[in-house]
Amino acid sequence: MARLKDQIAFVTGAGRGIGQAIALAFAAEGATVGVADIDPSTAQGTAHEIEKNAGTARAFAIDVSKRDDFLRAVDEFVAEFGRLDIIANNAIVFRREPVSEVREETVSRMIDVGLKAIFWSAQAAVRHMDAERGGVIINNTSPAAELGVPRSTVYSAIKGGVSSLTRSLAVELGPRKIRVNAVCPGTVPTPGARAMNNFDDTLYESRRQRCPLGRNGTPEDIASAAVFLASPEASYISAAILRIDGGTTVNGGA
């Protein structure tokens, strides 16, 4: 359908999982994609996949928590492709552990990647999104922002911050024609989520059983929603938190 034809999009955490699916979906819909990930091999892998399918991509190996590195990468991307239309923020560090065992360095790292980086993306947007064309920022939040989730206190607090920041940025940047929204995935069993959370098949099966639609999500489910929010079809949508969880949250938790 080429709903993002000629758009220029920068996607963080795009080396694997949901971020990768979003980058691939943006490219399939006609966008040129900056693929950012802390792991250079996965960033290159996603960019190669896009190019293999006749798309245009550029890989960036960056730690998005570092403001100067984030802004420099976007500067380079814009210098090469002329402008910036979309930023999708997916990078996250997740440690699942009892609150009594949470270490200071864990909290700092999770906040730096999961929350601070969104501030840097907003600064990049203000620097590079055209005043007439406007642009789109898409963040990645979680039902954990609304629910009590044991052993996920830091993550829940960060995602609450992401949801709040999404709404505040939408109001502040709206006069610049920049729309700011967030996708809110339910349970999506990606390899990264399994590794970070120590989730096993038993847990994912219990979550599947709680889902009214009878299945867990896929990265492509989230990517489809991100494409919609980035597209002209969503031109009057801003400050929205789009829950994509098959109804699980309202059926007893994510």
C-alpha atoms as a PDB file:
ATOM      1  CA  MET A   1       0.000   0.000   0.000  1.00  0.00           C
ATOM      2  CA  ALA A   2       3.041   2.283   0.469  1.00  0.00           C
ATOM      3  CA  ARG A   3       1.327   4.225   3.253  1.00  0.00           C
ATOM      4  CA  LEU A   4       4.718   5.671   4.237  1.00  0.00           C
ATOM      5  CA  LYS A   5       5.992   6.352   0.731  1.00  0.00           C
ATOM      6  CA  ASP A   6       8.958   8.754   0.738  1.00  0.00           C
ATOM      7  CA  GLN A   7       8.903   9.082   4.544  1.00  0.00           C
ATOM      8  CA  ILE A   8      12.192   9.163   6.469  1.00  0.00           C
ATOM      9  CA  ALA A   9      12.030   7.160   9.706  1.00  0.00           C
ATOM     10  CA  PHE A  10      14.505   6.540  12.532  1.00  0.00           C
ATOM     11  CA  VAL A  11      13.810   3.462  14.682  1.00  0.00           C
ATOM     12  CA  THR A  12      15.609   2.622  17.933  1.00  0.00           C
ATOM     13  CA  GLY A  13      15.977  -0.870  19.367  1.00  0.00           C
ATOM     14  CA  ALA A  14      15.549  -2.018  15.777  1.00  0.00           C
ATOM     15  CA  GLY A  15      17.998  -4.906  15.817  1.00  0.00           C
ATOM     16  CA  ARG A  16      15.465  -7.489  16.934  1.00  0.00           C
ATOM     17  CA  GLY A  17      11.995  -8.067  18.340  1.00  0.00           C
ATOM     18  CA  ILE A  18       9.324  -5.384  18.131  1.00  0.00           C
ATOM     19  CA  GLY A  19      11.749  -2.662  17.045  1.00  0.00           C
ATOM     20  CA  GLN A  20      12.971  -4.792  14.162  1.00  0.00           C
ATOM     21  CA  ALA A  21       9.406  -5.600  13.111  1.00  0.00           C
ATOM     22  CA  ILE A  22       8.565  -1.892  13.094  1.00  0.00           C
ATOM     23  CA  ALA A  23      11.627  -1.047  11.007  1.00  0.00           C
ATOM     24  CA  LEU A  24      10.776  -3.783   8.492  1.00  0.00           C
ATOM     25  CA  ALA A  25       7.123  -2.725   8.343  1.00  0.00           C
ATOM     26  CA  PHE A  26       8.025   0.935   7.812  1.00  0.00           C
ATOM     27  CA  ALA A  27      10.329  -0.057   4.960  1.00  0.00           C
ATOM     28  CA  ALA A  28       7.687  -2.338   3.418  1.00  0.00           C
ATOM     29  CA  GLU A  29       5.328   0.654   3.394  1.00  0.00           C
ATOM     30  CA  GLY A  30       7.825   2.807   1.494  1.00  0.00           C
ATOM     31  CA  ALA A  31       9.879   4.541   4.200  1.00  0.00           C
ATOM     32  CA  THR A  32      13.629   4.986   4.272  1.00  0.00           C
ATOM     33  CA  VAL A  33      14.710   3.660   7.675  1.00  0.00           C
ATOM     34  CA  GLY A  34      17.519   4.487  10.062  1.00  0.00           C
ATOM     35  CA  VAL A  35      18.069   1.283  12.031  1.00  0.00           C
ATOM     36  CA  ALA A  36      19.538   2.042  15.473  1.00  0.00           C
ATOM     37  CA  ASP A  37      20.628  -0.576  17.975  1.00  0.00           C
ATOM     38  CA  ILE A  38      23.375  -0.923  20.558  1.00  0.00           C
ATOM     39  CA  ASP A  39      24.450  -4.183  18.869  1.00  0.00           C
ATOM     40  CA  PRO A  40      26.076  -3.357  15.515  1.00  0.00           C
ATOM     41  CA  SER A  41      25.515  -6.859  14.129  1.00  0.00           C
ATOM     42  CA  THR A  42      21.750  -6.817  14.700  1.00  0.00           C
ATOM     43  CA  ALA A  43      21.448  -3.244  13.390  1.00  0.00           C
ATOM     44  CA  GLN A  44      23.276  -4.292  10.236  1.00  0.00           C
ATOM     45  CA  GLY A  45      21.151  -7.422  10.021  1.00  0.00           C
ATOM     46  CA  THR A  46      17.890  -5.465  10.005  1.00  0.00           C
ATOM     47  CA  ALA A  47      19.247  -2.947   7.503  1.00  0.00           C
ATOM     48  CA  HIS A  48      20.396  -5.802   5.252  1.00  0.00           C
ATOM     49  CA  GLU A  49      16.947  -7.408   5.435  1.00  0.00           C
ATOM     50  CA  ILE A  50      15.360  -4.125   4.339  1.00  0.00           C
ATOM     51  CA  GLU A  51      17.793  -3.710   1.459  1.00  0.00           C
ATOM     52  CA  LYS A  52      17.300  -7.346   0.419  1.00  0.00           C
ATOM     53  CA  ASN A  53      13.641  -6.476  -0.107  1.00  0.00           C
ATOM     54  CA  ALA A  54      14.479  -3.432  -2.249  1.00  0.00           C
ATOM     55  CA  GLY A  55      14.172  -0.935   0.585  1.00  0.00           C
ATOM     56  CA  THR A  56      16.569   1.753   1.751  1.00  0.00           C
ATOM     57  CA  ALA A  57      18.164   1.622   5.193  1.00  0.00           C
ATOM     58  CA  ARG A  58      21.163   2.837   7.157  1.00  0.00           C
ATOM     59  CA  ALA A  59      22.404   1.084  10.290  1.00  0.00           C
ATOM     60  CA  PHE A  60      23.562   2.952  13.407  1.00  0.00           C
ATOM     61  CA  ALA A  61      25.276   1.238  16.336  1.00  0.00           C
ATOM     62  CA  ILE A  62      24.519   3.596  19.230  1.00  0.00           C
ATOM     63  CA  ASP A  63      23.650   3.623  22.904  1.00  0.00           C
ATOM     64  CA  VAL A  64      20.456   5.695  22.818  1.00  0.00           C
ATOM     65  CA  SER A  65      20.870   6.689  26.461  1.00  0.00           C
ATOM     66  CA  LYS A  66      23.808   8.902  25.466  1.00  0.00           C
ATOM     67  CA  ARG A  67      22.338  12.190  24.265  1.00  0.00           C
ATOM     68  CA  ASP A  68      25.247  13.260  22.086  1.00  0.00           C
ATOM     69  CA  ASP A  69      25.429   9.876  20.365  1.00  0.00           C
ATOM     70  CA  PHE A  70      21.676   9.838  19.723  1.00  0.00           C
ATOM     71  CA  LEU A  71      21.604  13.346  18.276  1.00  0.00           C
ATOM     72  CA  ARG A  72      24.752  12.772  16.234  1.00  0.00           C
ATOM     73  CA  ALA A  73      23.287   9.639  14.642  1.00  0.00           C
ATOM     74  CA  VAL A  74      20.086  11.451  13.698  1.00  0.00           C
ATOM     75  CA  ASP A  75      22.137  14.371  12.353  1.00  0.00           C
ATOM     76  CA  GLU A  76      24.068  11.958  10.120  1.00  0.00           C
ATOM     77  CA  PHE A  77      20.878  10.250   8.979  1.00  0.00           C
ATOM     78  CA  VAL A  78      19.236  13.559   8.083  1.00  0.00           C
ATOM     79  CA  ALA A  79      22.378  14.785   6.330  1.00  0.00           C
ATOM     80  CA  GLU A  80      22.222  11.720   4.089  1.00  0.00           C
ATOM     81  CA  PHE A  81      18.481  11.594   3.408  1.00  0.00           C
ATOM     82  CA  GLY A  82      17.433  15.219   3.685  1.00  0.00           C
ATOM     83  CA  ARG A  83      14.897  15.317   6.502  1.00  0.00           C
ATOM     84  CA  LEU A  84      13.197  13.418   9.334  1.00  0.00           C
ATOM     85  CA  ASP A  85       9.509  12.463   9.398  1.00  0.00           C
ATOM     86  CA  ILE A  86       9.190   9.675  11.985  1.00  0.00           C
ATOM     87  CA  ILE A  87      10.978   8.521  15.133  1.00  0.00           C
ATOM     88  CA  ALA A  88       9.948   5.248  16.775  1.00  0.00           C
ATOM     89  CA  ASN A  89      11.416   4.575  20.231  1.00  0.00           C
ATOM     90  CA  ASN A  90      11.696   0.888  21.147  1.00  0.00           C
ATOM     91  CA  ALA A  91      15.005   0.491  22.977  1.00  0.00           C
ATOM     92  CA  ILE A  92      14.641  -0.898  26.503  1.00  0.00           C
ATOM     93  CA  VAL A  93      16.620  -2.660  29.204  1.00  0.00           C
ATOM     94  CA  PHE A  94      14.460  -4.881  31.432  1.00  0.00           C
ATOM     95  CA  ARG A  95      15.530  -6.639  34.600  1.00  0.00           C
ATOM     96  CA  ARG A  96      12.819  -8.614  36.400  1.00  0.00           C
ATOM     97  CA  GLU A  97      13.660  -9.089  40.066  1.00  0.00           C
ATOM     98  CA  PRO A  98      12.257  -8.523  43.571  1.00  0.00           C
ATOM     99  CA  VAL A  99      12.334  -4.893  44.685  1.00  0.00           C
ATOM    100  CA  SER A 100      14.560  -5.863  47.620  1.00  0.00           C
ATOM    101  CA  GLU A 101      17.272  -6.966  45.183  1.00  0.00           C
ATOM    102  CA  VAL A 102      17.189  -4.041  42.761  1.00  0.00           C
ATOM    103  CA  ARG A 103      20.579  -2.360  42.512  1.00  0.00           C
ATOM    104  CA  GLU A 104      21.229   1.317  41.878  1.00  0.00           C
ATOM    105  CA  GLU A 105      23.091   0.641  38.648  1.00  0.00           C
ATOM    106  CA  THR A 106      20.142  -1.391  37.360  1.00  0.00           C
ATOM    107  CA  VAL A 107      17.702   1.447  38.008  1.00  0.00           C
ATOM    108  CA  SER A 108      20.012   3.986  36.400  1.00  0.00           C
ATOM    109  CA  ARG A 109      20.581   1.895  33.283  1.00  0.00           C
ATOM    110  CA  MET A 110      16.903   1.091  32.804  1.00  0.00           C
ATOM    111  CA  ILE A 111      15.881   4.740  33.181  1.00  0.00           C
ATOM    112  CA  ASP A 112      18.660   5.945  30.885  1.00  0.00           C
ATOM    113  CA  VAL A 113      17.618   3.657  28.034  1.00  0.00           C
ATOM    114  CA  GLY A 114      13.877   3.395  28.621  1.00  0.00           C
ATOM    115  CA  LEU A 115      12.994   6.979  29.513  1.00  0.00           C
ATOM    116  CA  LYS A 116      15.819   9.471  28.996  1.00  0.00           C
ATOM    117  CA  ALA A 117      16.282   8.367  25.395  1.00  0.00           C
ATOM    118  CA  ILE A 118      12.765   9.543  24.604  1.00  0.00           C
ATOM    119  CA  PHE A 119      13.741  13.055  25.653  1.00  0.00           C
ATOM    120  CA  TRP A 120      16.672  12.885  23.230  1.00  0.00           C
ATOM    121  CA  SER A 121      14.370  11.682  20.459  1.00  0.00           C
ATOM    122  CA  ALA A 122      12.082  14.649  21.084  1.00  0.00           C
ATOM    123  CA  GLN A 123      15.051  16.993  20.849  1.00  0.00           C
ATOM    124  CA  ALA A 124      16.040  15.352  17.558  1.00  0.00           C
ATOM    125  CA  ALA A 125      12.495  15.816  16.302  1.00  0.00           C
ATOM    126  CA  VAL A 126      12.474  19.510  17.158  1.00  0.00           C
ATOM    127  CA  ARG A 127      15.815  19.938  15.398  1.00  0.00           C
ATOM    128  CA  HIS A 128      14.915  18.122  12.214  1.00  0.00           C
ATOM    129  CA  MET A 129      11.160  17.818  11.635  1.00  0.00           C
ATOM    130  CA  ASP A 130      10.032  20.453   9.199  1.00  0.00           C
ATOM    131  CA  ALA A 131       7.738  23.144  10.617  1.00  0.00           C
ATOM    132  CA  GLU A 132       5.342  22.817   7.669  1.00  0.00           C
ATOM    133  CA  ARG A 133       5.387  19.041   7.230  1.00  0.00           C
ATOM    134  CA  GLY A 134       5.453  18.222  10.923  1.00  0.00           C
ATOM    135  CA  GLY A 135       6.249  14.652  11.914  1.00  0.00           C
ATOM    136  CA  VAL A 136       5.515  11.705  14.164  1.00  0.00           C
ATOM    137  CA  ILE A 137       7.030  10.288  17.349  1.00  0.00           C
ATOM    138  CA  ILE A 138       5.926   6.804  18.394  1.00  0.00           C
ATOM    139  CA  ASN A 139       6.909   5.511  21.821  1.00  0.00           C
ATOM    140  CA  ASN A 140       6.623   2.019  23.261  1.00  0.00           C
ATOM    141  CA  THR A 141       4.868   1.754  26.623  1.00  0.00           C
ATOM    142  CA  SER A 142       3.251  -1.192  28.435  1.00  0.00           C
ATOM    143  CA  PRO A 143       0.139  -2.248  30.361  1.00  0.00           C
ATOM    144  CA  ALA A 144       2.589  -2.469  33.278  1.00  0.00           C
ATOM    145  CA  ALA A 145       2.262   1.328  33.448  1.00  0.00           C
ATOM    146  CA  GLU A 146      -1.295   0.826  34.733  1.00  0.00           C
ATOM    147  CA  LEU A 147      -1.104  -2.498  36.546  1.00  0.00           C
ATOM    148  CA  GLY A 148       0.663  -3.809  39.609  1.00  0.00           C
ATOM    149  CA  VAL A 149       3.240  -6.262  38.252  1.00  0.00           C
ATOM    150  CA  PRO A 150       5.388  -8.093  40.828  1.00  0.00           C
ATOM    151  CA  ARG A 151       9.158  -8.076  40.280  1.00  0.00           C
ATOM    152  CA  SER A 152       8.760  -5.400  37.605  1.00  0.00           C
ATOM    153  CA  THR A 153       8.633  -2.251  39.714  1.00  0.00           C
ATOM    154  CA  VAL A 154      11.359  -0.343  37.878  1.00  0.00           C
ATOM    155  CA  TYR A 155      10.001  -1.316  34.468  1.00  0.00           C
ATOM    156  CA  SER A 156       6.454  -0.353  35.478  1.00  0.00           C
ATOM    157  CA  ALA A 157       7.615   3.042  36.739  1.00  0.00           C
ATOM    158  CA  ILE A 158       9.538   3.699  33.533  1.00  0.00           C
ATOM    159  CA  LYS A 159       6.605   2.757  31.335  1.00  0.00           C
ATOM    160  CA  GLY A 160       4.345   4.990  33.437  1.00  0.00           C
ATOM    161  CA  GLY A 161       6.819   7.757  32.687  1.00  0.00           C
ATOM    162  CA  VAL A 162       6.764   6.926  28.976  1.00  0.00           C
ATOM    163  CA  SER A 163       2.966   7.156  28.883  1.00  0.00           C
ATOM    164  CA  SER A 164       2.993  10.472  30.740  1.00  0.00           C
ATOM    165  CA  LEU A 165       5.806  11.826  28.585  1.00  0.00           C
ATOM    166  CA  THR A 166       3.912  10.819  25.442  1.00  0.00           C
ATOM    167  CA  ARG A 167       0.927  12.916  26.470  1.00  0.00           C
ATOM    168  CA  SER A 168       3.034  15.905  27.546  1.00  0.00           C
ATOM    169  CA  LEU A 169       5.097  15.892  24.357  1.00  0.00           C
ATOM    170  CA  ALA A 170       1.936  15.666  22.264  1.00  0.00           C
ATOM    171  CA  VAL A 171       0.695  18.894  23.839  1.00  0.00           C
ATOM    172  CA  GLU A 172       4.031  20.713  23.670  1.00  0.00           C
ATOM    173  CA  LEU A 173       4.951  19.653  20.150  1.00  0.00           C
ATOM    174  CA  GLY A 174       1.458  19.771  18.649  1.00  0.00           C
ATOM    175  CA  PRO A 175       1.845  23.408  17.510  1.00  0.00           C
ATOM    176  CA  ARG A 176       4.867  22.222  15.487  1.00  0.00           C
ATOM    177  CA  LYS A 177       2.595  19.664  13.781  1.00  0.00           C
ATOM    178  CA  ILE A 178       4.442  16.825  15.503  1.00  0.00           C
ATOM    179  CA  ARG A 179       2.099  14.047  16.597  1.00  0.00           C
ATOM    180  CA  VAL A 180       3.199  11.947  19.578  1.00  0.00           C
ATOM    181  CA  ASN A 181       1.584   8.600  20.356  1.00  0.00           C
ATOM    182  CA  ALA A 182       2.516   5.305  21.979  1.00  0.00           C
ATOM    183  CA  VAL A 183       1.916   1.664  21.224  1.00  0.00           C
ATOM    184  CA  CYS A 184       1.168  -0.420  24.310  1.00  0.00           C
ATOM    185  CA  PRO A 185       1.940  -4.085  23.607  1.00  0.00           C
ATOM    186  CA  GLY A 186       0.611  -6.892  25.735  1.00  0.00           C
ATOM    187  CA  THR A 187       2.463 -10.194  25.918  1.00  0.00           C
ATOM    188  CA  VAL A 188       4.772 -10.608  22.931  1.00  0.00           C
ATOM    189  CA  PRO A 189       7.164 -13.591  23.333  1.00  0.00           C
ATOM    190  CA  THR A 190      10.260 -12.254  21.564  1.00  0.00           C
ATOM    191  CA  PRO A 191      13.693 -13.817  22.140  1.00  0.00           C
ATOM    192  CA  GLY A 192      14.825 -10.620  23.842  1.00  0.00           C
ATOM    193  CA  ALA A 193      11.875 -10.626  26.226  1.00  0.00           C
ATOM    194  CA  ARG A 194      12.496 -14.267  27.096  1.00  0.00           C
ATOM    195  CA  ALA A 195      16.174 -13.593  27.805  1.00  0.00           C
ATOM    196  CA  MET A 196      15.695 -10.428  29.858  1.00  0.00           C
ATOM    197  CA  ASN A 197      12.685 -11.556  31.855  1.00  0.00           C
ATOM    198  CA  ASN A 198      13.520 -15.219  32.419  1.00  0.00           C
ATOM    199  CA  PHE A 199      10.066 -16.023  31.066  1.00  0.00           C
ATOM    200  CA  ASP A 200       9.391 -19.623  30.153  1.00  0.00           C
ATOM    201  CA  ASP A 201       6.746 -21.369  28.058  1.00  0.00           C
ATOM    202  CA  THR A 202       4.575 -22.017  31.122  1.00  0.00           C
ATOM    203  CA  LEU A 203       4.240 -18.302  31.851  1.00  0.00           C
ATOM    204  CA  TYR A 204       3.514 -17.465  28.214  1.00  0.00           C
ATOM    205  CA  GLU A 205       0.895 -20.209  28.096  1.00  0.00           C
ATOM    206  CA  SER A 206      -0.837 -18.828  31.198  1.00  0.00           C
ATOM    207  CA  ARG A 207      -0.932 -15.394  29.599  1.00  0.00           C
ATOM    208  CA  ARG A 208      -2.303 -16.847  26.380  1.00  0.00           C
ATOM    209  CA  GLN A 209      -5.114 -18.473  28.335  1.00  0.00           C
ATOM    210  CA  ARG A 210      -6.031 -15.118  29.903  1.00  0.00           C
ATOM    211  CA  CYS A 211      -6.240 -13.395  26.524  1.00  0.00           C
ATOM    212  CA  PRO A 212      -9.823 -13.116  25.224  1.00  0.00           C
ATOM    213  CA  LEU A 213      -8.525 -13.656  21.689  1.00  0.00           C
ATOM    214  CA  GLY A 214      -6.780 -16.846  22.764  1.00  0.00           C
ATOM    215  CA  ARG A 215      -3.248 -15.977  21.687  1.00  0.00           C
ATOM    216  CA  ASN A 216      -0.233 -13.913  22.606  1.00  0.00           C
ATOM    217  CA  GLY A 217       0.894 -11.097  20.390  1.00  0.00           C
ATOM    218  CA  THR A 218       3.541 -11.026  17.688  1.00  0.00           C
ATOM    219  CA  PRO A 219       6.012  -8.274  16.809  1.00  0.00           C
ATOM    220  CA  GLU A 220       4.112  -7.849  13.562  1.00  0.00           C
ATOM    221  CA  ASP A 221       0.910  -7.054  15.487  1.00  0.00           C
ATOM    222  CA  ILE A 222       2.690  -4.128  17.106  1.00  0.00           C
ATOM    223  CA  ALA A 223       4.390  -3.072  13.877  1.00  0.00           C
ATOM    224  CA  SER A 224       1.041  -2.859  12.067  1.00  0.00           C
ATOM    225  CA  ALA A 225      -0.241  -0.473  14.722  1.00  0.00           C
ATOM    226  CA  ALA A 226       2.934   1.617  14.487  1.00  0.00           C
ATOM    227  CA  VAL A 227       2.519   1.903  10.719  1.00  0.00           C
ATOM    228  CA  PHE A 228      -1.033   3.132  11.226  1.00  0.00           C
ATOM    229  CA  LEU A 229       0.024   5.737  13.796  1.00  0.00           C
ATOM    230  CA  ALA A 230       2.807   6.944  11.492  1.00  0.00           C
ATOM    231  CA  SER A 231       0.568   7.143   8.428  1.00  0.00           C
ATOM    232  CA  PRO A 232      -1.705   9.927   7.149  1.00  0.00           C
ATOM    233  CA  GLU A 233      -4.650   7.775   8.251  1.00  0.00           C
ATOM    234  CA  ALA A 234      -3.813   8.837  11.829  1.00  0.00           C
ATOM    235  CA  SER A 235      -3.309  12.523  11.010  1.00  0.00           C
ATOM    236  CA  TYR A 236      -5.699  13.662  13.777  1.00  0.00           C
ATOM    237  CA  ILE A 237      -4.458  11.216  16.406  1.00  0.00           C
ATOM    238  CA  SER A 238      -2.045  12.522  19.021  1.00  0.00           C
ATOM    239  CA  ALA A 239      -1.468  11.798  22.739  1.00  0.00           C
ATOM    240  CA  ALA A 240      -2.991   8.327  22.231  1.00  0.00           C
ATOM    241  CA  ILE A 241      -1.842   5.213  24.062  1.00  0.00           C
ATOM    242  CA  LEU A 242      -2.882   2.391  21.734  1.00  0.00           C
ATOM    243  CA  ARG A 243      -3.240  -0.838  23.695  1.00  0.00           C
ATOM    244  CA  ILE A 244      -2.456  -3.902  21.572  1.00  0.00           C
ATOM    245  CA  ASP A 245      -3.025  -6.851  23.871  1.00  0.00           C
ATOM    246  CA  GLY A 246      -6.013  -8.803  22.591  1.00  0.00           C
ATOM    247  CA  GLY A 247      -8.082  -7.546  25.531  1.00  0.00           C
ATOM    248  CA  THR A 248      -5.859  -9.133  28.177  1.00  0.00           C
ATOM    249  CA  THR A 249      -5.381  -6.044  30.348  1.00  0.00           C
ATOM    250  CA  VAL A 250      -9.095  -5.666  31.026  1.00  0.00           C
ATOM    251  CA  ASN A 251      -9.382  -9.410  31.601  1.00  0.00           C
ATOM    252  CA  GLY A 252      -7.179  -9.642  34.667  1.00  0.00           C
ATOM    253  CA  GLY A 253      -3.749  -8.268  33.766  1.00  0.00           C
ATOM    254  CA  ALA A 254      -0.983  -8.352  31.176  1.00  0.00           C
END
